[in-house]
Amino acid sequence: MHRYLVYVLALALLPVSLALAERWPAWYWGVGLFGVMALLGTWDVLQRRSVLRRNYPVLAHFRYGFESIGPEIRQYFVQSDLDDVPFSRQQRQLIYQRARNVMDVVPFGTLRSTYAVDYEWINHSMAPTSIAHHDFRVVIGPHCAQPYSASVFNISAMSFGSLSANAIRALNRGAEMGRFYHDTGEGSISPYHREHNGDLVWEIGSGYFGCRDEHGRFSEERFIENAHLEQVKMIEIKLSQGAKPGHGGVLPAAKVSAEISVTRGVPMGVDCVSPSRHSAFSTPVELLRFVARLRELSGGKPVGFKLAIGHPWEWFGIAKAMHETGLLPDFIVVDGAEGGTGASPAEFIDHVGVPMNEALILVHNTLVGLNLRERIRIGAAGKVTSAFDIARTIALGADWCNAGRGFMFALGCIQSLSCHNDKCPTGIATQDPSRWRHLDPTDKAERVRNFHENTLRALRDLLGAAGLDDPSELGPEHILRRVSPSEIRSMATLYRYLAPGELLDRVPGHAVFREYWADARSDSFDPPGRIAALRGSKLR
């Protein structure tokens, strides 16, 4: 009977409270409390949807209550400073300090075990350099009519719709003040992206939002309207996203507001569908022709694509198409499987796609092996929050880094894990005006700029300590990782790097190239014959 104890006590104490309240009115609080508990318990016993509530009337709700605040309890009271799920307290604190322009030094000593497996560091030099500036840049599309000089640290793709109006305002104003770019995300260019004239990279996904016709197909006329905006510096075709590669999306009709309708070019009252694949191309060669066409239609602005690496033969097919046709993107952004999103199916966010380090190295290696690396810039995104993250990513093969959640922390995100339910407590990842109107875009823009500025100052100091003058000098030999309690390997020896032109002469011994390079096709994303045959054999 202990399962029903609270319910029985509520039933028993309700009439007692009523009797006492007639003599002492203060007891009406007891009437209210025990009355609510009695009604709740009665409903629990009578309903049939939850066995737990029928077996534990009233008590079950305490369990649900504690479960609902479990993430907050773990984040504030249980997790250590280094538990990075998704981001550690130490990572968040560093961003908050730099965004607020307050002291970000650490007292006493490192919290990390320098003898733990996977501990990483950058080797310093006995002859450190003194670097006069920290505004490190990379020129993208140097042979285009309108090349772009990008910062080595920028805001990754986050759409209006996923983020609030004031969050977009603050990010773009911060980008304008700090002279770095703001990726629009596939939700296209909203009025809030336009208010402060910060540099934009316009991301075009499979829904062609902002450049689609009434049937959802790519529209050259509408593309030209946005692509010729002076604020748009580059065009990025989204092939896949790290947090949910190979997965489309649907914004229900009820959430398609007038603003989203205008921004995306979709009708109100109808589900806004983002398909899982593009309709403007279906093969690697067609993709590259689409890249070339967008470059022409935009007036010569750099055009590239973003992808999360999945089946190796598909990426190899694109690379072979580049080599065979001479049609090259100006840049490629590699999105790691650890990337963030407003909402994603659990299986996708946990178990689909290649993590950033391995994906980046594969893309870099392939371009080096085809002697194309000097002509194509590479950006990378995947939990980049500090100067060391930037240095390591560039050392592995990138030219610059993007960050999404890092800049969300700069806006004030507290990692409440409520991006998907429109109840973001900080007004960042919500469309609820009662929440996002309290976010001050002027104040938050300063924090976005400060985070970028102070992170690049820290990068400058790291480079100086390593005896370097520019991030482009970083290589895998500069980053060390402990692979066992008694063994240390540099990234140059931990990963196999191809020599320039190596793929033109032979198939390297590198396992993924050995297995899939020869069978990859520039005219199709289909799997090689032997892979298709294996699939067929499982159906017998």
Protein backbone atom coordinates (compact mmCIF):
# COMPACT_ATOMS: atom_id res chain seq x y z
CA MET A 1 0.00 0.00 0.00
CA HIS A 2 3.02 2.34 0.22
CA ARG A 3 2.45 3.03 -3.49
CA TYR A 4 -0.86 4.71 -2.64
CA LEU A 5 0.24 6.31 0.63
CA VAL A 6 0.45 9.91 -0.62
CA TYR A 7 -2.89 9.59 -2.43
CA VAL A 8 -4.62 8.08 0.60
CA LEU A 9 -3.18 10.74 2.92
CA ALA A 10 -4.41 13.47 0.56
CA LEU A 11 -7.92 11.97 0.62
CA ALA A 12 -7.83 11.69 4.41
CA LEU A 13 -6.36 15.13 5.11
CA LEU A 14 -8.69 17.00 2.75
CA PRO A 15 -11.78 16.77 5.04
CA VAL A 16 -9.58 17.42 8.09
CA SER A 17 -8.29 20.60 6.46
CA LEU A 18 -11.85 21.66 5.60
CA ALA A 19 -12.89 21.23 9.20
CA LEU A 20 -9.91 23.13 10.55
CA ALA A 21 -10.37 25.90 7.98
CA GLU A 22 -13.83 26.65 9.33
CA ARG A 23 -12.20 27.56 12.64
CA TRP A 24 -8.82 28.79 11.48
CA PRO A 25 -8.99 30.28 7.91
CA ALA A 26 -5.24 29.89 7.51
CA TRP A 27 -5.90 26.19 6.96
CA TYR A 28 -7.40 26.92 3.55
CA TRP A 29 -3.89 26.44 2.20
CA GLY A 30 -4.23 22.82 3.28
CA VAL A 31 -7.58 22.55 1.55
CA GLY A 32 -6.04 23.78 -1.67
CA LEU A 33 -2.94 21.56 -1.42
CA PHE A 34 -4.68 18.33 -0.43
CA GLY A 35 -7.58 19.02 -2.81
CA VAL A 36 -5.23 19.30 -5.78
CA MET A 37 -3.36 16.15 -4.72
CA ALA A 38 -6.62 14.23 -4.27
CA LEU A 39 -7.92 15.28 -7.69
CA LEU A 40 -4.57 14.46 -9.31
CA GLY A 41 -4.41 11.05 -7.65
CA THR A 42 -7.97 10.23 -8.64
CA TRP A 43 -7.22 11.13 -12.25
CA ASP A 44 -4.05 8.99 -12.13
CA VAL A 45 -6.00 5.98 -10.91
CA LEU A 46 -8.77 6.33 -13.49
CA GLN A 47 -6.66 7.07 -16.59
CA ARG A 48 -5.28 4.17 -18.68
CA ARG A 49 -2.38 5.68 -20.67
CA SER A 50 0.30 5.41 -17.99
CA VAL A 51 0.77 2.30 -15.88
CA LEU A 52 3.27 4.15 -13.69
CA ARG A 53 0.68 6.78 -12.73
CA ARG A 54 -1.97 4.11 -11.97
CA ASN A 55 0.47 2.19 -9.76
CA TYR A 56 1.93 5.30 -8.11
CA PRO A 57 -0.78 7.96 -8.06
CA VAL A 58 0.61 11.42 -7.22
CA LEU A 59 4.07 9.97 -6.49
CA ALA A 60 4.74 9.38 -10.21
CA HIS A 61 4.63 13.11 -10.84
CA PHE A 62 7.59 13.67 -8.53
CA ARG A 63 9.54 11.27 -10.73
CA TYR A 64 8.49 13.12 -13.89
CA GLY A 65 9.40 16.43 -12.29
CA PHE A 66 12.91 15.34 -11.36
CA GLU A 67 13.36 13.75 -14.78
CA SER A 68 12.37 17.00 -16.50
CA ILE A 69 15.09 18.97 -14.71
CA GLY A 70 17.68 16.18 -15.04
CA PRO A 71 19.78 18.04 -17.66
CA GLU A 72 19.96 21.12 -15.43
CA ILE A 73 20.88 19.10 -12.35
CA ARG A 74 23.63 17.28 -14.22
CA GLN A 75 24.93 20.48 -15.84
CA TYR A 76 25.06 22.56 -12.66
CA PHE A 77 25.74 20.02 -9.92
CA VAL A 78 27.02 16.71 -11.33
CA GLN A 79 29.17 17.20 -14.44
CA SER A 80 32.82 18.04 -13.99
CA ASP A 81 34.39 21.10 -15.59
CA LEU A 82 35.80 18.91 -18.38
CA ASP A 83 32.75 16.79 -19.30
CA ASP A 84 32.20 17.92 -22.90
CA VAL A 85 28.64 16.69 -23.46
CA PRO A 86 28.00 18.56 -25.67
CA PHE A 87 30.32 21.33 -24.37
CA SER A 88 32.20 21.34 -21.08
CA ARG A 89 31.81 23.94 -18.37
CA GLN A 90 35.41 24.97 -19.05
CA GLN A 91 34.73 25.54 -22.76
CA ARG A 92 31.61 27.58 -22.02
CA GLN A 93 33.33 29.62 -19.33
CA LEU A 94 36.20 30.53 -21.67
CA ILE A 95 33.75 31.80 -24.30
CA TYR A 96 31.74 33.76 -21.71
CA GLN A 97 34.91 35.43 -20.42
CA ARG A 98 36.15 36.37 -23.86
CA ALA A 99 32.73 37.57 -24.97
CA ARG A 100 32.44 39.82 -21.91
CA ASN A 101 36.00 41.05 -22.36
CA VAL A 102 37.01 39.98 -18.86
CA MET A 103 40.17 38.22 -17.69
CA ASP A 104 40.37 34.69 -19.12
CA VAL A 105 43.54 33.43 -17.43
CA VAL A 106 43.58 30.18 -15.41
CA PRO A 107 45.02 29.95 -11.88
CA PHE A 108 47.21 27.32 -10.23
CA GLY A 109 47.43 24.70 -12.99
CA THR A 110 45.67 22.75 -15.69
CA LEU A 111 42.61 20.68 -14.83
CA ARG A 112 43.56 18.21 -17.53
CA SER A 113 45.68 15.12 -16.98
CA THR A 114 48.66 15.56 -19.27
CA TYR A 115 49.25 11.79 -19.12
CA ALA A 116 45.73 10.83 -20.14
CA VAL A 117 45.14 9.18 -23.51
CA ASP A 118 44.02 11.72 -26.17
CA TYR A 119 45.63 14.69 -24.39
CA GLU A 120 46.77 17.10 -27.13
CA TRP A 121 49.13 20.08 -27.29
CA ILE A 122 51.09 22.28 -29.67
CA ASN A 123 54.88 22.25 -29.44
CA HIS A 124 56.51 25.56 -28.63
CA SER A 125 59.75 26.99 -30.03
CA MET A 126 62.96 28.08 -28.34
CA ALA A 127 62.82 31.03 -30.75
CA PRO A 128 59.29 32.41 -30.41
CA THR A 129 58.10 35.09 -32.79
CA SER A 130 56.42 38.42 -32.18
CA ILE A 131 53.40 38.89 -34.44
CA ALA A 132 52.22 42.46 -34.87
CA HIS A 133 48.57 41.73 -35.69
CA HIS A 134 45.89 39.09 -35.14
CA ASP A 135 43.62 39.76 -38.12
CA PHE A 136 44.57 36.55 -39.92
CA ARG A 137 42.91 36.16 -43.33
CA VAL A 138 42.70 33.81 -46.29
CA VAL A 139 41.80 34.86 -49.84
CA ILE A 140 39.04 32.69 -51.30
CA GLY A 141 38.50 32.62 -55.06
CA PRO A 142 41.63 34.61 -56.00
CA HIS A 143 40.86 34.08 -59.70
CA CYS A 144 37.22 35.14 -59.39
CA ALA A 145 36.00 38.55 -60.48
CA GLN A 146 35.07 39.24 -56.84
CA PRO A 147 37.45 37.33 -54.54
CA TYR A 148 36.83 37.44 -50.80
CA SER A 149 39.35 37.92 -47.99
CA ALA A 150 37.90 35.89 -45.12
CA SER A 151 38.87 35.79 -41.46
CA VAL A 152 40.20 32.45 -40.27
CA PHE A 153 37.31 32.33 -37.76
CA ASN A 154 33.68 32.88 -38.78
CA ILE A 155 30.04 32.22 -37.84
CA SER A 156 28.82 28.87 -39.10
CA ALA A 157 25.45 28.25 -40.78
CA MET A 158 22.45 28.96 -38.54
CA SER A 159 19.16 29.94 -40.18
CA PHE A 160 16.60 32.53 -39.24
CA GLY A 161 13.83 30.29 -38.00
CA SER A 162 16.23 28.18 -36.00
CA LEU A 163 17.53 31.38 -34.40
CA SER A 164 15.45 34.37 -33.40
CA ALA A 165 15.35 37.75 -35.09
CA ASN A 166 17.41 39.45 -32.38
CA ALA A 167 19.97 36.63 -32.37
CA ILE A 168 20.46 37.09 -36.14
CA ARG A 169 20.73 40.87 -35.66
CA ALA A 170 23.38 40.46 -32.97
CA LEU A 171 25.43 37.92 -34.92
CA ASN A 172 25.46 40.02 -38.07
CA ARG A 173 26.27 43.24 -36.24
CA GLY A 174 29.10 41.46 -34.43
CA ALA A 175 30.41 40.11 -37.74
CA GLU A 176 30.29 43.60 -39.25
CA MET A 177 32.22 45.11 -36.33
CA GLY A 178 34.80 42.31 -36.28
CA ARG A 179 35.18 42.01 -40.08
CA PHE A 180 34.35 38.32 -40.33
CA TYR A 181 31.55 36.52 -42.13
CA HIS A 182 28.13 35.29 -41.08
CA ASP A 183 26.76 32.18 -42.83
CA THR A 184 23.02 32.52 -43.37
CA GLY A 185 22.17 28.83 -43.05
CA GLU A 186 19.85 27.29 -45.60
CA GLY A 187 16.92 29.43 -44.42
CA SER A 188 18.17 32.18 -46.75
CA ILE A 189 18.71 35.91 -46.22
CA SER A 190 16.19 37.42 -43.81
CA PRO A 191 15.58 41.14 -43.25
CA TYR A 192 17.51 40.77 -39.99
CA HIS A 193 20.63 39.67 -41.88
CA ARG A 194 20.42 42.92 -43.85
CA GLU A 195 20.09 45.49 -41.08
CA HIS A 196 23.76 45.85 -40.17
CA ASN A 197 25.45 44.98 -43.48
CA GLY A 198 27.78 42.33 -42.05
CA ASP A 199 29.45 40.06 -44.62
CA LEU A 200 27.22 37.14 -45.60
CA VAL A 201 27.90 33.71 -47.02
CA TRP A 202 24.59 32.69 -48.57
CA GLU A 203 23.95 29.00 -48.03
CA ILE A 204 21.68 27.28 -50.56
CA GLY A 205 20.21 23.96 -49.51
CA SER A 206 18.03 21.45 -51.28
CA GLY A 207 14.93 23.59 -50.67
CA TYR A 208 16.52 26.48 -52.62
CA PHE A 209 15.08 28.96 -50.15
CA GLY A 210 15.45 32.48 -51.48
CA CYS A 211 16.06 31.20 -55.02
CA ARG A 212 13.18 28.82 -55.75
CA ASP A 213 10.18 28.88 -58.04
CA GLU A 214 6.63 28.04 -57.02
CA HIS A 215 7.37 24.31 -57.47
CA GLY A 216 10.44 24.32 -55.20
CA ARG A 217 12.96 24.10 -58.04
CA PHE A 218 16.02 26.33 -58.46
CA SER A 219 15.22 29.71 -60.04
CA GLU A 220 18.02 31.61 -61.74
CA GLU A 221 16.08 34.87 -61.68
CA ARG A 222 15.50 34.77 -57.93
CA PHE A 223 19.06 33.62 -57.32
CA ILE A 224 20.44 36.65 -59.15
CA GLU A 225 18.35 39.01 -56.99
CA ASN A 226 20.06 37.85 -53.78
CA ALA A 227 23.46 36.88 -55.18
CA HIS A 228 24.08 40.40 -56.49
CA LEU A 229 23.59 41.98 -53.07
CA GLU A 230 26.88 43.63 -52.12
CA GLN A 231 26.57 42.14 -48.64
CA VAL A 232 26.71 38.59 -50.07
CA LYS A 233 30.40 37.73 -50.43
CA MET A 234 30.24 34.00 -51.26
CA ILE A 235 27.71 31.32 -52.24
CA GLU A 236 27.73 27.96 -50.42
CA ILE A 237 25.79 24.94 -51.70
CA LYS A 238 24.81 22.73 -48.80
CA LEU A 239 25.12 19.07 -49.75
CA SER A 240 24.84 17.76 -46.21
CA GLN A 241 25.06 18.89 -42.60
CA GLY A 242 27.18 17.22 -39.95
CA ALA A 243 24.43 16.89 -37.35
CA LYS A 244 21.95 15.22 -39.73
CA PRO A 245 23.62 14.24 -43.02
CA GLY A 246 21.36 12.70 -45.63
CA HIS A 247 18.24 13.94 -43.83
CA GLY A 248 15.81 16.58 -45.05
CA GLY A 249 13.40 18.52 -42.92
CA VAL A 250 9.88 19.90 -42.66
CA LEU A 251 8.82 23.19 -41.09
CA PRO A 252 5.12 22.66 -40.32
CA ALA A 253 2.66 25.06 -41.94
CA ALA A 254 1.73 26.47 -38.53
CA LYS A 255 5.31 27.72 -38.07
CA VAL A 256 5.62 29.35 -41.49
CA SER A 257 5.18 32.96 -40.40
CA ALA A 258 4.88 35.89 -42.77
CA GLU A 259 8.57 36.70 -42.24
CA ILE A 260 9.71 33.14 -42.96
CA SER A 261 7.40 33.03 -46.01
CA VAL A 262 9.04 36.14 -47.49
CA THR A 263 12.58 35.11 -46.53
CA ARG A 264 12.38 31.57 -47.90
CA GLY A 265 10.03 32.24 -50.81
CA VAL A 266 7.46 29.69 -49.63
CA PRO A 267 3.68 30.15 -49.22
CA MET A 268 2.06 30.47 -45.81
CA GLY A 269 -0.33 27.73 -44.76
CA VAL A 270 1.75 25.01 -46.43
CA ASP A 271 4.47 22.77 -44.97
CA CYS A 272 7.94 24.10 -45.85
CA VAL A 273 9.82 21.05 -47.12
CA SER A 274 13.60 20.78 -47.36
CA PRO A 275 14.22 17.56 -49.34
CA SER A 276 17.01 15.16 -48.49
CA ARG A 277 18.68 15.70 -51.89
CA HIS A 278 19.06 18.38 -54.54
CA SER A 279 16.97 18.54 -57.71
CA ALA A 280 19.33 20.87 -59.64
CA PHE A 281 21.96 18.12 -60.07
CA SER A 282 22.24 14.37 -59.59
CA THR A 283 25.86 13.49 -60.44
CA PRO A 284 29.29 14.83 -59.41
CA VAL A 285 29.83 16.45 -62.83
CA GLU A 286 26.42 18.10 -62.69
CA LEU A 287 27.26 19.46 -59.23
CA LEU A 288 30.40 21.12 -60.57
CA ARG A 289 28.50 22.55 -63.53
CA PHE A 290 26.01 23.98 -61.06
CA VAL A 291 28.89 25.55 -59.10
CA ALA A 292 30.24 27.14 -62.28
CA ARG A 293 26.79 28.39 -63.26
CA LEU A 294 26.23 30.03 -59.86
CA ARG A 295 29.62 31.72 -60.10
CA GLU A 296 28.64 33.15 -63.47
CA LEU A 297 25.15 34.23 -62.33
CA SER A 298 26.54 35.89 -59.18
CA GLY A 299 28.89 38.10 -61.16
CA GLY A 300 32.05 36.19 -60.31
CA LYS A 301 31.71 35.67 -56.56
CA PRO A 302 33.39 32.63 -54.98
CA VAL A 303 31.14 29.56 -55.00
CA GLY A 304 31.70 26.31 -53.13
CA PHE A 305 29.88 23.61 -51.26
CA LYS A 306 29.54 22.26 -47.73
CA LEU A 307 29.38 18.57 -46.99
CA ALA A 308 29.65 16.01 -44.25
CA ILE A 309 31.65 13.02 -45.46
CA GLY A 310 29.76 9.76 -45.68
CA HIS A 311 30.35 7.09 -48.35
CA PRO A 312 33.96 7.66 -49.51
CA TRP A 313 33.20 6.85 -53.15
CA GLU A 314 30.77 9.77 -53.37
CA TRP A 315 33.41 12.29 -52.32
CA PHE A 316 35.95 10.56 -54.57
CA GLY A 317 33.47 10.86 -57.45
CA ILE A 318 33.34 14.64 -56.93
CA ALA A 319 37.13 14.79 -56.78
CA LYS A 320 37.46 12.77 -59.99
CA ALA A 321 34.95 15.07 -61.67
CA MET A 322 37.12 18.06 -60.71
CA HIS A 323 40.19 16.41 -62.19
CA GLU A 324 38.47 15.29 -65.38
CA THR A 325 36.49 18.46 -66.17
CA GLY A 326 38.67 21.19 -64.71
CA LEU A 327 35.53 22.63 -63.08
CA LEU A 328 36.54 23.54 -59.54
CA PRO A 329 34.74 24.99 -56.55
CA ASP A 330 36.47 27.97 -54.98
CA PHE A 331 36.09 26.43 -51.55
CA ILE A 332 34.81 23.37 -49.68
CA VAL A 333 33.49 23.48 -46.12
CA VAL A 334 33.84 20.20 -44.24
CA ASP A 335 31.18 19.75 -41.56
CA GLY A 336 32.00 17.18 -38.91
CA ALA A 337 29.51 14.71 -37.46
CA GLU A 338 29.90 16.50 -34.10
CA GLY A 339 28.21 19.58 -35.55
CA GLY A 340 25.17 21.09 -33.87
CA THR A 341 21.59 21.65 -34.95
CA GLY A 342 18.30 22.90 -33.60
CA ALA A 343 16.77 19.45 -33.84
CA SER A 344 17.87 16.11 -35.23
CA PRO A 345 16.78 12.46 -34.89
CA ALA A 346 18.84 10.81 -32.15
CA GLU A 347 20.31 8.18 -34.46
CA PHE A 348 21.53 10.85 -36.88
CA ILE A 349 23.11 13.12 -34.31
CA ASP A 350 24.81 10.18 -32.56
CA HIS A 351 25.70 7.69 -35.30
CA VAL A 352 25.71 9.16 -38.82
CA GLY A 353 28.61 10.84 -40.61
CA VAL A 354 32.39 11.09 -40.26
CA PRO A 355 33.80 13.29 -37.44
CA MET A 356 35.55 16.49 -38.49
CA ASN A 357 39.19 15.45 -38.06
CA GLU A 358 38.99 12.37 -40.30
CA ALA A 359 36.65 14.05 -42.79
CA LEU A 360 38.91 17.08 -43.10
CA ILE A 361 42.02 14.98 -43.59
CA LEU A 362 40.31 12.90 -46.29
CA VAL A 363 39.24 15.99 -48.25
CA HIS A 364 42.64 17.66 -47.83
CA ASN A 365 44.49 14.47 -48.81
CA THR A 366 42.38 13.95 -51.93
CA LEU A 367 42.96 17.49 -53.20
CA VAL A 368 46.69 17.25 -52.45
CA GLY A 369 46.88 13.91 -54.27
CA LEU A 370 45.28 15.50 -57.36
CA ASN A 371 47.45 18.64 -57.22
CA LEU A 372 44.32 20.73 -56.64
CA ARG A 373 44.87 21.82 -53.05
CA GLU A 374 46.45 25.17 -53.92
CA ARG A 375 43.43 26.10 -56.03
CA ILE A 376 40.67 25.17 -53.56
CA ARG A 377 40.32 26.57 -50.04
CA ILE A 378 38.98 24.42 -47.22
CA GLY A 379 36.92 25.53 -44.24
CA ALA A 380 36.00 23.23 -41.37
CA ALA A 381 33.39 23.19 -38.61
CA GLY A 382 32.92 20.94 -35.60
CA LYS A 383 33.00 22.08 -31.92
CA VAL A 384 35.55 24.85 -32.46
CA THR A 385 35.61 27.09 -29.36
CA SER A 386 39.20 28.10 -28.64
CA ALA A 387 42.40 29.25 -30.33
CA PHE A 388 43.85 25.77 -29.88
CA ASP A 389 40.85 24.27 -31.69
CA ILE A 390 41.49 26.64 -34.59
CA ALA A 391 45.23 25.87 -34.63
CA ARG A 392 44.66 22.11 -34.56
CA THR A 393 42.02 22.25 -37.31
CA ILE A 394 44.22 24.35 -39.58
CA ALA A 395 47.17 22.08 -38.83
CA LEU A 396 45.12 19.09 -40.00
CA GLY A 397 44.42 20.69 -43.38
CA ALA A 398 41.90 23.55 -43.15
CA ASP A 399 42.44 27.15 -44.24
CA TRP A 400 39.84 28.56 -41.83
CA CYS A 401 37.29 27.49 -39.21
CA ASN A 402 33.60 28.13 -38.63
CA ALA A 403 31.75 27.90 -35.33
CA GLY A 404 28.03 27.90 -34.62
CA ARG A 405 27.48 26.98 -30.98
CA GLY A 406 30.59 28.90 -29.89
CA PHE A 407 29.01 32.12 -31.14
CA MET A 408 25.70 31.08 -29.56
CA PHE A 409 27.50 30.94 -26.20
CA ALA A 410 28.85 34.41 -26.94
CA LEU A 411 25.22 35.52 -27.34
CA GLY A 412 24.42 34.08 -23.92
CA CYS A 413 23.36 30.47 -24.63
CA ILE A 414 23.46 28.42 -21.41
CA GLN A 415 23.23 24.99 -23.08
CA SER A 416 19.73 24.37 -21.73
CA LEU A 417 19.15 21.84 -24.54
CA SER A 418 15.80 23.38 -25.44
CA CYS A 419 16.59 24.47 -29.03
CA HIS A 420 13.90 22.15 -30.38
CA ASN A 421 10.89 23.14 -28.28
CA ASP A 422 10.74 26.92 -28.87
CA LYS A 423 11.38 27.54 -25.17
CA CYS A 424 14.99 28.72 -25.27
CA PRO A 425 15.43 30.62 -21.98
CA THR A 426 17.93 33.09 -23.48
CA GLY A 427 15.84 34.10 -26.52
CA ILE A 428 18.37 32.74 -29.02
CA ALA A 429 16.86 29.55 -30.47
CA THR A 430 13.19 30.50 -30.36
CA GLN A 431 10.54 32.29 -32.39
CA ASP A 432 8.57 33.25 -29.28
CA PRO A 433 8.57 37.08 -29.17
CA SER A 434 8.00 37.08 -25.42
CA ARG A 435 11.41 35.40 -25.11
CA TRP A 436 13.58 36.80 -27.92
CA ARG A 437 12.59 40.44 -27.44
CA HIS A 438 14.49 40.44 -24.15
CA LEU A 439 17.74 39.66 -26.00
CA ASP A 440 19.51 43.01 -26.54
CA PRO A 441 21.12 42.78 -30.00
CA THR A 442 23.36 45.81 -29.37
CA ASP A 443 24.89 44.35 -26.22
CA LYS A 444 25.15 40.84 -27.66
CA ALA A 445 26.78 42.10 -30.87
CA GLU A 446 29.61 43.49 -28.76
CA ARG A 447 30.02 40.10 -27.14
CA VAL A 448 30.12 38.35 -30.52
CA ARG A 449 32.83 40.75 -31.68
CA ASN A 450 34.77 40.37 -28.41
CA PHE A 451 34.71 36.56 -28.58
CA HIS A 452 36.07 36.63 -32.13
CA GLU A 453 38.66 39.29 -31.32
CA ASN A 454 39.99 37.70 -28.13
CA THR A 455 40.08 34.22 -29.66
CA LEU A 456 42.23 35.49 -32.52
CA ARG A 457 44.49 37.30 -30.05
CA ALA A 458 44.97 33.96 -28.30
CA LEU A 459 45.68 32.32 -31.68
CA ARG A 460 48.33 34.97 -32.36
CA ASP A 461 50.00 34.16 -29.04
CA LEU A 462 49.89 30.42 -29.75
CA LEU A 463 51.50 30.93 -33.14
CA GLY A 464 54.18 33.15 -31.64
CA ALA A 465 54.97 30.54 -28.98
CA ALA A 466 55.35 27.93 -31.74
CA GLY A 467 57.78 30.17 -33.65
CA LEU A 468 55.33 30.83 -36.51
CA ASP A 469 54.10 34.01 -38.18
CA ASP A 470 50.79 32.96 -39.72
CA PRO A 471 48.20 30.18 -39.34
CA SER A 472 49.00 28.96 -42.87
CA GLU A 473 52.36 27.74 -41.55
CA LEU A 474 50.70 25.27 -39.20
CA GLY A 475 51.07 21.63 -40.15
CA PRO A 476 50.24 18.26 -38.57
CA GLU A 477 53.77 18.06 -37.21
CA HIS A 478 52.97 20.89 -34.78
CA ILE A 479 50.16 19.06 -32.94
CA LEU A 480 50.99 16.17 -30.57
CA ARG A 481 48.63 13.61 -29.06
CA ARG A 482 49.18 11.07 -26.32
CA VAL A 483 47.95 7.73 -27.68
CA SER A 484 48.86 5.68 -24.60
CA PRO A 485 50.35 6.43 -21.18
CA SER A 486 53.81 5.91 -22.65
CA GLU A 487 53.48 6.88 -26.34
CA ILE A 488 53.14 10.25 -28.07
CA ARG A 489 52.48 10.75 -31.76
CA SER A 490 52.35 13.88 -33.89
CA MET A 491 49.35 14.26 -36.18
CA ALA A 492 51.79 13.91 -39.08
CA THR A 493 52.63 10.35 -38.00
CA LEU A 494 49.23 9.49 -36.54
CA TYR A 495 47.48 10.15 -39.85
CA ARG A 496 48.68 9.21 -43.33
CA TYR A 497 49.21 12.31 -45.50
CA LEU A 498 49.49 12.05 -49.29
CA ALA A 499 52.28 13.63 -51.32
CA PRO A 500 51.36 16.22 -53.98
CA GLY A 501 50.17 14.47 -57.14
CA GLU A 502 50.27 11.02 -55.56
CA LEU A 503 46.79 10.10 -56.81
CA LEU A 504 47.81 10.92 -60.37
CA ASP A 505 50.47 8.24 -60.40
CA ARG A 506 49.06 5.40 -58.35
CA VAL A 507 46.55 4.37 -55.73
CA PRO A 508 48.10 5.05 -52.31
CA GLY A 509 48.37 2.41 -49.64
CA HIS A 510 46.03 4.48 -47.48
CA ALA A 511 43.15 2.08 -46.71
CA VAL A 512 40.20 4.23 -47.83
CA PHE A 513 41.90 5.14 -51.14
CA ARG A 514 42.94 1.56 -51.72
CA GLU A 515 39.40 0.33 -51.20
CA TYR A 516 37.31 2.95 -53.02
CA TRP A 517 39.34 5.30 -55.24
CA ALA A 518 39.57 3.10 -58.33
CA ASP A 519 35.83 2.36 -58.37
CA ALA A 520 34.59 5.92 -57.80
CA ARG A 521 32.83 7.53 -60.80
CA SER A 522 32.54 11.15 -61.82
CA ASP A 523 29.22 10.52 -63.57
CA SER A 524 27.34 8.93 -60.68
CA PHE A 525 26.98 8.90 -56.91
CA ASP A 526 25.93 5.24 -57.11
CA PRO A 527 28.01 2.71 -55.15
CA PRO A 528 30.71 0.73 -56.95
CA GLY A 529 29.58 -2.54 -58.52
CA ARG A 530 31.13 -4.74 -55.84
CA ILE A 531 29.38 -2.74 -53.09
CA ALA A 532 26.07 -3.00 -54.94
CA ALA A 533 26.65 -6.74 -55.32
CA LEU A 534 27.21 -7.09 -51.58
CA ARG A 535 23.96 -5.28 -50.93
CA GLY A 536 22.16 -7.57 -53.33
CA SER A 537 23.59 -10.67 -51.72
CA LYS A 538 21.93 -9.76 -48.42
CA LEU A 539 18.50 -9.93 -50.03
CA ARG A 540 18.79 -13.58 -51.01
